[in-house]
PDB file of N, CA and C in Angstrom:
ATOM      1  N   UNK A   1     -88.304 295.426  47.468  1.00  0.00           N
ATOM      2  CA  UNK A   1     -88.004 295.784  46.064  1.00  0.00           C
ATOM      3  C   UNK A   1     -87.345 297.376  46.351  1.00  0.00           C
ATOM      4  N   UNK A   2     -87.395 298.163  46.843  1.00  0.00           N
ATOM      5  CA  UNK A   2     -86.048 299.503  47.130  1.00  0.00           C
ATOM      6  C   UNK A   2     -85.377 299.097  46.143  1.00  0.00           C
ATOM      7  N   UNK A   3     -84.861 298.064  46.677  1.00  0.00           N
ATOM      8  CA  UNK A   3     -83.089 297.671  47.205  1.00  0.00           C
ATOM      9  C   UNK A   3     -82.413 297.978  45.144  1.00  0.00           C
ATOM     10  N   UNK A   4     -83.642 296.550  44.091  1.00  0.00           N
ATOM     11  CA  UNK A   4     -83.978 296.188  43.208  1.00  0.00           C
ATOM     12  C   UNK A   4     -84.448 297.962  42.755  1.00  0.00           C
ATOM     13  N   UNK A   5     -85.144 298.805  42.113  1.00  0.00           N
ATOM     14  CA  UNK A   5     -85.257 299.986  41.836  1.00  0.00           C
ATOM     15  C   UNK A   5     -83.956 300.637  41.966  1.00  0.00           C
ATOM     16  N   UNK A   6     -82.994 300.730  42.438  1.00  0.00           N
ATOM     17  CA  UNK A   6     -82.390 301.779  42.910  1.00  0.00           C
ATOM     18  C   UNK A   6     -81.378 300.684  41.996  1.00  0.00           C
ATOM     19  N   UNK A   7     -80.688 300.004  41.748  1.00  0.00           N
ATOM     20  CA  UNK A   7     -80.168 299.278  40.740  1.00  0.00           C
ATOM     21  C   UNK A   7     -80.403 299.172  40.552  1.00  0.00           C
ATOM     22  N   UNK A   8     -81.437 299.043  39.633  1.00  0.00           N
ATOM     23  CA  UNK A   8     -81.917 298.945  37.866  1.00  0.00           C
ATOM     24  C   UNK A   8     -81.733 300.162  37.793  1.00  0.00           C
ATOM     25  N   UNK A   9     -82.293 301.307  38.717  1.00  0.00           N
ATOM     26  CA  UNK A   9     -81.481 302.889  39.100  1.00  0.00           C
ATOM     27  C   UNK A   9     -80.390 303.014  38.311  1.00  0.00           C
ATOM     28  N   UNK A  10     -79.985 302.920  38.645  1.00  0.00           N
ATOM     29  CA  UNK A  10     -77.648 302.589  39.016  1.00  0.00           C
ATOM     30  C   UNK A  10     -77.306 302.027  37.198  1.00  0.00           C
ATOM     31  N   UNK A  11     -77.914 301.218  36.979  1.00  0.00           N
ATOM     32  CA  UNK A  11     -77.398 300.580  35.132  1.00  0.00           C
ATOM     33  C   UNK A  11     -77.990 300.892  34.415  1.00  0.00           C
ATOM     34  N   UNK A  12     -79.207 301.904  35.332  1.00  0.00           N
ATOM     35  CA  UNK A  12     -79.350 302.636  33.238  1.00  0.00           C
ATOM     36  C   UNK A  12     -79.233 303.534  33.088  1.00  0.00           C
ATOM     37  N   UNK A  13     -78.504 304.556  34.336  1.00  0.00           N
ATOM     38  CA  UNK A  13     -78.111 305.403  34.042  1.00  0.00           C
ATOM     39  C   UNK A  13     -76.652 305.652  33.983  1.00  0.00           C
ATOM     40  N   UNK A  14     -75.398 304.570  34.353  1.00  0.00           N
ATOM     41  CA  UNK A  14     -74.738 304.142  33.276  1.00  0.00           C
ATOM     42  C   UNK A  14     -74.283 303.538  32.319  1.00  0.00           C
ATOM     43  N   UNK A  15     -76.014 303.178  31.853  1.00  0.00           N
ATOM     44  CA  UNK A  15     -75.615 302.531  30.357  1.00  0.00           C
ATOM     45  C   UNK A  15     -76.199 304.064  29.690  1.00  0.00           C
ATOM     46  N   UNK A  16     -77.152 304.959  30.115  1.00  0.00           N
ATOM     47  CA  UNK A  16     -77.057 306.063  29.577  1.00  0.00           C
ATOM     48  C   UNK A  16     -76.034 306.877  29.330  1.00  0.00           C
ATOM     49  N   UNK A  17     -74.964 306.375  30.102  1.00  0.00           N
ATOM     50  CA  UNK A  17     -74.007 307.377  30.297  1.00  0.00           C
ATOM     51  C   UNK A  17     -73.069 307.136  29.606  1.00  0.00           C
ATOM     52  N   UNK A  18     -73.019 305.989  28.536  1.00  0.00           N
ATOM     53  CA  UNK A  18     -72.459 305.509  27.868  1.00  0.00           C
ATOM     54  C   UNK A  18     -72.261 305.881  26.202  1.00  0.00           C
ATOM     55  N   UNK A  19     -73.422 306.899  25.914  1.00  0.00           N
ATOM     56  CA  UNK A  19     -73.389 307.315  24.830  1.00  0.00           C
ATOM     57  C   UNK A  19     -72.397 307.980  24.260  1.00  0.00           C
ATOM     58  N   UNK A  20     -72.201 307.851  22.463  1.00  0.00           N
ATOM     59  CA  UNK A  20     -70.646 308.948  22.771  1.00  0.00           C
ATOM     60  C   UNK A  20     -71.612 310.273  23.033  1.00  0.00           C
ATOM     61  N   UNK A  21     -72.520 310.474  21.218  1.00  0.00           N
ATOM     62  CA  UNK A  21     -73.397 311.570  21.349  1.00  0.00           C
ATOM     63  C   UNK A  21     -73.664 312.338  22.775  1.00  0.00           C
ATOM     64  N   UNK A  22     -73.600 314.019  23.018  1.00  0.00           N
ATOM     65  CA  UNK A  22     -73.797 314.610  23.765  1.00  0.00           C
ATOM     66  C   UNK A  22     -75.160 313.957  23.780  1.00  0.00           C
ATOM     67  N   UNK A  23     -76.257 315.083  23.462  1.00  0.00           N
ATOM     68  CA  UNK A  23     -77.455 315.044  22.609  1.00  0.00           C
ATOM     69  C   UNK A  23     -78.048 313.871  23.443  1.00  0.00           C
ATOM     70  N   UNK A  24     -77.237 312.256  22.428  1.00  0.00           N
ATOM     71  CA  UNK A  24     -78.745 311.773  22.948  1.00  0.00           C
ATOM     72  C   UNK A  24     -78.232 310.829  24.051  1.00  0.00           C
ATOM     73  N   UNK A  25     -76.973 310.790  24.181  1.00  0.00           N
ATOM     74  CA  UNK A  25     -76.385 310.294  25.526  1.00  0.00           C
ATOM     75  C   UNK A  25     -77.411 311.345  26.826  1.00  0.00           C
ATOM     76  N   UNK A  26     -77.425 313.125  27.052  1.00  0.00           N
ATOM     77  CA  UNK A  26     -78.325 313.690  28.157  1.00  0.00           C
ATOM     78  C   UNK A  26     -79.338 313.374  27.681  1.00  0.00           C
ATOM     79  N   UNK A  27     -80.784 312.592  26.817  1.00  0.00           N
ATOM     80  CA  UNK A  27     -81.579 312.667  26.242  1.00  0.00           C
ATOM     81  C   UNK A  27     -81.432 311.270  27.041  1.00  0.00           C
ATOM     82  N   UNK A  28     -80.686 309.681  26.672  1.00  0.00           N
ATOM     83  CA  UNK A  28     -81.231 309.078  27.631  1.00  0.00           C
ATOM     84  C   UNK A  28     -81.002 309.044  29.138  1.00  0.00           C
ATOM     85  N   UNK A  29     -80.090 310.025  29.410  1.00  0.00           N
ATOM     86  CA  UNK A  29     -80.344 310.200  31.054  1.00  0.00           C
ATOM     87  C   UNK A  29     -81.264 310.755  31.956  1.00  0.00           C
ATOM     88  N   UNK A  30     -81.746 311.436  30.330  1.00  0.00           N
ATOM     89  CA  UNK A  30     -83.208 312.687  31.220  1.00  0.00           C
ATOM     90  C   UNK A  30     -84.168 312.000  31.812  1.00  0.00           C
ATOM     91  N   UNK A  31     -84.365 310.464  30.532  1.00  0.00           N
ATOM     92  CA  UNK A  31     -85.621 309.748  30.411  1.00  0.00           C
ATOM     93  C   UNK A  31     -85.609 308.915  31.410  1.00  0.00           C
ATOM     94  N   UNK A  32     -84.630 309.193  31.666  1.00  0.00           N
ATOM     95  CA  UNK A  32     -84.152 307.407  33.399  1.00  0.00           C
ATOM     96  C   UNK A  32     -85.271 308.802  34.467  1.00  0.00           C
ATOM     97  N   UNK A  33     -84.355 309.623  34.655  1.00  0.00           N
ATOM     98  CA  UNK A  33     -84.216 310.816  36.124  1.00  0.00           C
ATOM     99  C   UNK A  33     -86.381 310.517  36.160  1.00  0.00           C
ATOM    100  N   UNK A  34     -86.195 310.905  34.839  1.00  0.00           N
ATOM    101  CA  UNK A  34     -88.013 311.283  34.797  1.00  0.00           C
ATOM    102  C   UNK A  34     -88.188 310.155  34.754  1.00  0.00           C
ATOM    103  N   UNK A  35     -88.336 309.543  34.942  1.00  0.00           N
ATOM    104  CA  UNK A  35     -89.422 307.626  35.149  1.00  0.00           C
ATOM    105  C   UNK A  35     -89.629 307.967  36.553  1.00  0.00           C
ATOM    106  N   UNK A  36     -88.346 307.867  37.083  1.00  0.00           N
ATOM    107  CA  UNK A  36     -87.943 307.296  38.076  1.00  0.00           C
ATOM    108  C   UNK A  36     -88.484 308.770  38.509  1.00  0.00           C
ATOM    109  N   UNK A  37     -88.171 309.193  38.834  1.00  0.00           N
ATOM    110  CA  UNK A  37     -89.740 310.534  39.643  1.00  0.00           C
ATOM    111  C   UNK A  37     -90.593 310.447  39.254  1.00  0.00           C
ATOM    112  N   UNK A  38     -91.108 309.922  38.396  1.00  0.00           N
ATOM    113  CA  UNK A  38     -93.012 309.717  38.730  1.00  0.00           C
ATOM    114  C   UNK A  38     -92.956 308.278  38.872  1.00  0.00           C
ATOM    115  N   UNK A  39     -91.999 307.291  39.229  1.00  0.00           N
ATOM    116  CA  UNK A  39     -92.817 306.390  39.913  1.00  0.00           C
ATOM    117  C   UNK A  39     -92.450 306.244  41.013  1.00  0.00           C
ATOM    118  N   UNK A  40     -91.275 307.592  41.896  1.00  0.00           N
ATOM    119  CA  UNK A  40     -91.595 307.814  42.995  1.00  0.00           C
ATOM    120  C   UNK A  40     -92.683 307.825  43.980  1.00  0.00           C
ATOM    121  N   UNK A  41     -93.656 308.629  43.262  1.00  0.00           N
ATOM    122  CA  UNK A  41     -95.138 308.967  44.384  1.00  0.00           C
ATOM    123  C   UNK A  41     -96.152 308.399  44.064  1.00  0.00           C
ATOM    124  N   UNK A  42     -95.918 306.838  42.964  1.00  0.00           N
ATOM    125  CA  UNK A  42     -96.921 305.835  43.278  1.00  0.00           C
ATOM    126  C   UNK A  42     -96.435 304.628  44.217  1.00  0.00           C
ATOM    127  N   UNK A  43     -98.074 304.432  44.813  1.00  0.00           N
ATOM    128  CA  UNK A  43     -97.986 303.327  46.349  1.00  0.00           C
ATOM    129  C   UNK A  43     -98.848 302.347  45.686  1.00  0.00           C
ATOM    130  N   UNK A  44     -99.501 302.075  44.583  1.00  0.00           N
ATOM    131  CA  UNK A  44     -99.813 300.627  44.137  1.00  0.00           C
ATOM    132  C   UNK A  44     -99.131 299.649  44.083  1.00  0.00           C
ATOM    133  N   UNK A  45     -98.541 298.496  44.030  1.00  0.00           N
ATOM    134  CA  UNK A  45     -98.062 297.527  43.830  1.00  0.00           C
ATOM    135  C   UNK A  45     -98.752 296.841  42.911  1.00  0.00           C
ATOM    136  N   UNK A  46     -98.999 296.817  42.576  1.00  0.00           N
ATOM    137  CA  UNK A  46     -99.268 296.440  40.708  1.00  0.00           C
ATOM    138  C   UNK A  46     -98.634 297.427  39.566  1.00  0.00           C
ATOM    139  N   UNK A  47     -99.571 299.007  40.072  1.00  0.00           N
ATOM    140  CA  UNK A  47     -98.487 299.373  38.707  1.00  0.00           C
ATOM    141  C   UNK A  47     -96.566 299.157  39.226  1.00  0.00           C
ATOM    142  N   UNK A  48     -96.153 299.861  40.503  1.00  0.00           N
ATOM    143  CA  UNK A  48     -94.766 299.596  40.367  1.00  0.00           C
ATOM    144  C   UNK A  48     -94.001 297.983  39.530  1.00  0.00           C
ATOM    145  N   UNK A  49     -94.774 297.687  40.501  1.00  0.00           N
ATOM    146  CA  UNK A  49     -94.444 296.166  39.839  1.00  0.00           C
ATOM    147  C   UNK A  49     -94.498 296.017  37.798  1.00  0.00           C
ATOM    148  N   UNK A  50     -94.978 296.769  37.597  1.00  0.00           N
ATOM    149  CA  UNK A  50     -95.532 297.165  36.618  1.00  0.00           C
ATOM    150  C   UNK A  50     -94.324 297.819  36.215  1.00  0.00           C
ATOM    151  N   UNK A  51     -94.434 299.020  36.536  1.00  0.00           N
ATOM    152  CA  UNK A  51     -93.344 300.113  35.861  1.00  0.00           C
ATOM    153  C   UNK A  51     -91.447 298.936  35.754  1.00  0.00           C
ATOM    154  N   UNK A  52     -91.902 298.043  36.818  1.00  0.00           N
ATOM    155  CA  UNK A  52     -90.357 297.402  37.057  1.00  0.00           C
ATOM    156  C   UNK A  52     -90.524 296.870  36.241  1.00  0.00           C
ATOM    157  N   UNK A  53     -91.064 296.500  35.419  1.00  0.00           N
ATOM    158  CA  UNK A  53     -91.033 295.109  34.209  1.00  0.00           C
ATOM    159  C   UNK A  53     -91.054 296.011  33.022  1.00  0.00           C
ATOM    160  N   UNK A  54     -91.590 297.280  32.936  1.00  0.00           N
ATOM    161  CA  UNK A  54     -91.381 298.000  32.115  1.00  0.00           C
ATOM    162  C   UNK A  54     -90.286 298.652  31.654  1.00  0.00           C
ATOM    163  N   UNK A  55     -89.435 299.216  33.370  1.00  0.00           N
ATOM    164  CA  UNK A  55     -88.108 299.909  33.482  1.00  0.00           C
ATOM    165  C   UNK A  55     -87.012 298.583  32.726  1.00  0.00           C
ATOM    166  N   UNK A  56     -87.604 297.539  33.452  1.00  0.00           N
ATOM    167  CA  UNK A  56     -86.806 296.406  33.079  1.00  0.00           C
ATOM    168  C   UNK A  56     -86.606 295.938  31.636  1.00  0.00           C
ATOM    169  N   UNK A  57     -87.571 295.973  31.091  1.00  0.00           N
ATOM    170  CA  UNK A  57     -87.144 295.888  29.071  1.00  0.00           C
ATOM    171  C   UNK A  57     -86.832 297.560  28.520  1.00  0.00           C
ATOM    172  N   UNK A  58     -86.426 298.387  29.576  1.00  0.00           N
ATOM    173  CA  UNK A  58     -85.750 300.328  28.701  1.00  0.00           C
ATOM    174  C   UNK A  58     -84.668 299.662  28.794  1.00  0.00           C
ATOM    175  N   UNK A  59     -83.706 299.030  30.025  1.00  0.00           N
ATOM    176  CA  UNK A  59     -83.011 298.691  30.298  1.00  0.00           C
ATOM    177  C   UNK A  59     -81.887 297.838  28.731  1.00  0.00           C
ATOM    178  N   UNK A  60     -83.234 296.918  29.234  1.00  0.00           N
ATOM    179  CA  UNK A  60     -82.604 295.993  27.580  1.00  0.00           C
ATOM    180  C   UNK A  60     -82.635 297.150  26.156  1.00  0.00           C
ATOM    181  N   UNK A  61     -83.602 297.984  26.186  1.00  0.00           N
ATOM    182  CA  UNK A  61     -83.419 299.245  24.658  1.00  0.00           C
ATOM    183  C   UNK A  61     -81.957 299.508  24.354  1.00  0.00           C
ATOM    184  N   UNK A  62     -82.186 299.944  26.236  1.00  0.00           N
ATOM    185  CA  UNK A  62     -81.036 301.603  25.565  1.00  0.00           C
ATOM    186  C   UNK A  62     -79.510 300.009  25.633  1.00  0.00           C
ATOM    187  N   UNK A  63     -79.493 299.099  25.954  1.00  0.00           N
ATOM    188  CA  UNK A  63     -78.208 298.745  25.499  1.00  0.00           C
ATOM    189  C   UNK A  63     -78.011 298.159  24.567  1.00  0.00           C
ATOM    190  N   UNK A  64     -78.972 298.062  23.481  1.00  0.00           N
ATOM    191  CA  UNK A  64     -79.460 297.652  21.865  1.00  0.00           C
ATOM    192  C   UNK A  64     -79.004 298.710  21.311  1.00  0.00           C
ATOM    193  N   UNK A  65     -79.890 300.155  21.730  1.00  0.00           N
ATOM    194  CA  UNK A  65     -79.651 301.622  20.901  1.00  0.00           C
ATOM    195  C   UNK A  65     -77.833 301.686  21.111  1.00  0.00           C
ATOM    196  N   UNK A  66     -77.432 301.306  21.606  1.00  0.00           N
ATOM    197  CA  UNK A  66     -76.105 302.070  23.048  1.00  0.00           C
ATOM    198  C   UNK A  66     -74.470 301.482  21.896  1.00  0.00           C
ATOM    199  N   UNK A  67     -75.723 300.637  21.739  1.00  0.00           N
ATOM    200  CA  UNK A  67     -74.693 298.947  20.317  1.00  0.00           C
ATOM    201  C   UNK A  67     -74.976 299.438  19.084  1.00  0.00           C
ATOM    202  N   UNK A  68     -75.594 299.690  18.613  1.00  0.00           N
ATOM    203  CA  UNK A  68     -76.651 300.243  16.983  1.00  0.00           C
ATOM    204  C   UNK A  68     -75.704 301.850  16.991  1.00  0.00           C
ATOM    205  N   UNK A  69     -75.592 302.475  17.657  1.00  0.00           N
ATOM    206  CA  UNK A  69     -75.177 304.308  17.756  1.00  0.00           C
ATOM    207  C   UNK A  69     -73.579 303.598  17.917  1.00  0.00           C
ATOM    208  N   UNK A  70     -73.133 302.543  18.389  1.00  0.00           N
ATOM    209  CA  UNK A  70     -71.160 302.045  18.321  1.00  0.00           C
ATOM    210  C   UNK A  70     -70.936 302.145  16.987  1.00  0.00           C
ATOM    211  N   UNK A  71     -71.945 301.171  16.568  1.00  0.00           N
ATOM    212  CA  UNK A  71     -71.826 300.788  15.484  1.00  0.00           C
ATOM    213  C   UNK A  71     -72.052 302.370  13.769  1.00  0.00           C
ATOM    214  N   UNK A  72     -72.211 303.437  14.532  1.00  0.00           N
ATOM    215  CA  UNK A  72     -72.071 304.150  13.260  1.00  0.00           C
ATOM    216  C   UNK A  72     -71.916 305.192  13.601  1.00  0.00           C
ATOM    217  N   UNK A  73     -70.863 305.333  14.827  1.00  0.00           N
ATOM    218  CA  UNK A  73     -70.920 307.215  14.710  1.00  0.00           C
ATOM    219  C   UNK A  73     -69.471 307.062  14.742  1.00  0.00           C
ATOM    220  N   UNK A  74     -69.014 308.118  14.119  1.00  0.00           N
ATOM    221  CA  UNK A  74     -68.376 309.133  13.957  1.00  0.00           C
ATOM    222  C   UNK A  74     -66.883 309.093  14.123  1.00  0.00           C
ATOM    223  N   UNK A  75     -65.880 308.532  13.378  1.00  0.00           N
ATOM    224  CA  UNK A  75     -64.563 307.730  14.068  1.00  0.00           C
ATOM    225  C   UNK A  75     -64.149 309.233  15.334  1.00  0.00           C
ATOM    226  N   UNK A  76     -64.105 310.665  14.157  1.00  0.00           N
ATOM    227  CA  UNK A  76     -63.647 311.395  15.155  1.00  0.00           C
ATOM    228  C   UNK A  76     -65.469 311.944  16.016  1.00  0.00           C
ATOM    229  N   UNK A  77     -66.384 311.610  16.583  1.00  0.00           N
ATOM    230  CA  UNK A  77     -67.131 312.433  16.973  1.00  0.00           C
ATOM    231  C   UNK A  77     -67.279 313.870  16.989  1.00  0.00           C
ATOM    232  N   UNK A  78     -67.492 313.277  15.655  1.00  0.00           N
ATOM    233  CA  UNK A  78     -68.226 314.923  14.633  1.00  0.00           C
ATOM    234  C   UNK A  78     -68.288 314.558  13.721  1.00  0.00           C
ATOM    235  N   UNK A  79     -69.388 315.093  12.927  1.00  0.00           N
ATOM    236  CA  UNK A  79     -69.491 314.634  10.972  1.00  0.00           C
ATOM    237  C   UNK A  79     -68.452 316.130  10.471  1.00  0.00           C
ATOM    238  N   UNK A  80     -68.490 316.897  11.008  1.00  0.00           N
ATOM    239  CA  UNK A  80     -67.824 318.293  10.940  1.00  0.00           C
ATOM    240  C   UNK A  80     -66.032 318.164  10.817  1.00  0.00           C
ATOM    241  N   UNK A  81     -65.520 317.123  11.521  1.00  0.00           N
ATOM    242  CA  UNK A  81     -63.867 317.017  10.920  1.00  0.00           C
ATOM    243  C   UNK A  81     -64.143 316.476  12.904  1.00  0.00           C
TER     244      UNK A  81
END
């Protein structure tokens, strides 16, 4: 389970790093790190399994959101110019 969680953590961070916008990217990375820090202290296997399945859903959400942000990203990276 630990190796699966570590793999999921890496995939989520990689996906979060793919956002073009600095603010969105920082927010996504921070949320991923905070979520896994909260799970680090958990010992109950049932709760951990629930957290793991929620993290998988969040990974899929990150993938979808990244695509949406890429579709509507401004070509220069800034709305100002």
